Amino acid sequence: MPSPIRAAAIAATLVLAVGLSACGRRGPLEPPPDAPTTTVTKADGTTEKKVVKPNRPFVLDGLLN
């Protein structure tokens, strides 16, 4: 049978893990304010600003493609 101190330590660890896993904000990531954007016109005539993603190749891309 575990000692009360050990049981309290396990309970505290579980509470801390659950509490830290809920940190953050739900929703899409926000781009930096100075990110380059482009304007895209949709088929229905509305325009939307999209962030231009830089093409940064990774070392293992040759193996994955």
Protein backbone atom coordinates (compact mmCIF):
# COMPACT_ATOMS: atom_id res chain seq x y z
CA MET A 1 0.00 0.00 0.00
CA PRO A 2 1.49 3.38 -1.01
CA SER A 3 2.26 5.86 1.71
CA PRO A 4 0.10 8.99 1.97
CA ILE A 5 3.03 11.18 0.92
CA ARG A 6 3.62 9.13 -2.21
CA ALA A 7 -0.09 9.16 -3.06
CA ALA A 8 -0.20 12.94 -2.58
CA ALA A 9 2.86 13.36 -4.82
CA ILE A 10 1.26 11.25 -7.57
CA ALA A 11 -2.01 13.19 -7.27
CA ALA A 12 -0.16 16.52 -7.42
CA THR A 13 1.77 15.38 -10.50
CA LEU A 14 -1.43 14.35 -12.25
CA VAL A 15 -3.17 17.63 -11.40
CA LEU A 16 -0.14 19.59 -12.64
CA ALA A 17 0.01 17.59 -15.89
CA VAL A 18 -3.69 18.10 -16.60
CA GLY A 19 -3.46 21.80 -15.75
CA LEU A 20 -0.47 22.41 -18.00
CA SER A 21 -1.94 20.47 -20.90
CA ALA A 22 -4.90 22.86 -21.00
CA CYS A 23 -2.75 25.99 -21.42
CA GLY A 24 -3.06 27.99 -24.59
CA ARG A 25 -5.77 29.37 -26.78
CA ARG A 26 -7.95 27.43 -29.15
CA GLY A 27 -7.98 28.51 -32.75
CA PRO A 28 -5.69 29.00 -35.72
CA LEU A 29 -2.20 30.41 -35.28
CA GLU A 30 -1.82 34.12 -35.91
CA PRO A 31 0.90 35.25 -38.32
CA PRO A 32 3.44 37.87 -37.22
CA PRO A 33 2.36 41.46 -37.89
CA ASP A 34 5.09 42.01 -40.51
CA ALA A 35 4.48 38.76 -42.44
CA PRO A 36 4.31 39.17 -46.24
CA THR A 37 0.77 38.78 -47.57
CA THR A 38 -0.90 38.42 -50.93
CA THR A 39 -4.48 39.19 -51.93
CA VAL A 40 -6.49 36.31 -53.39
CA THR A 41 -9.77 36.80 -55.26
CA LYS A 42 -12.22 33.93 -54.84
CA ALA A 43 -14.73 32.71 -57.43
CA ASP A 44 -17.60 34.59 -55.75
CA GLY A 45 -15.75 37.92 -56.08
CA THR A 46 -14.61 38.33 -52.48
CA THR A 47 -10.98 39.01 -51.68
CA GLU A 48 -8.94 37.51 -48.89
CA LYS A 49 -5.44 38.21 -47.60
CA LYS A 50 -3.23 35.14 -47.25
CA VAL A 51 0.22 34.90 -45.71
CA VAL A 52 2.98 33.91 -48.11
CA LYS A 53 4.81 30.93 -46.62
CA PRO A 54 8.57 30.88 -47.23
CA ASN A 55 10.03 27.84 -48.94
CA ARG A 56 12.63 26.57 -46.49
CA PRO A 57 13.88 23.13 -47.52
CA PHE A 58 14.75 20.64 -44.79
CA VAL A 59 17.74 18.29 -44.84
CA LEU A 60 15.57 15.13 -45.01
CA ASP A 61 13.25 16.39 -47.80
CA GLY A 62 15.17 14.36 -50.38
CA LEU A 63 14.46 11.16 -48.48
CA LEU A 64 10.78 11.93 -47.91
CA ASN A 65 9.93 12.82 -51.52
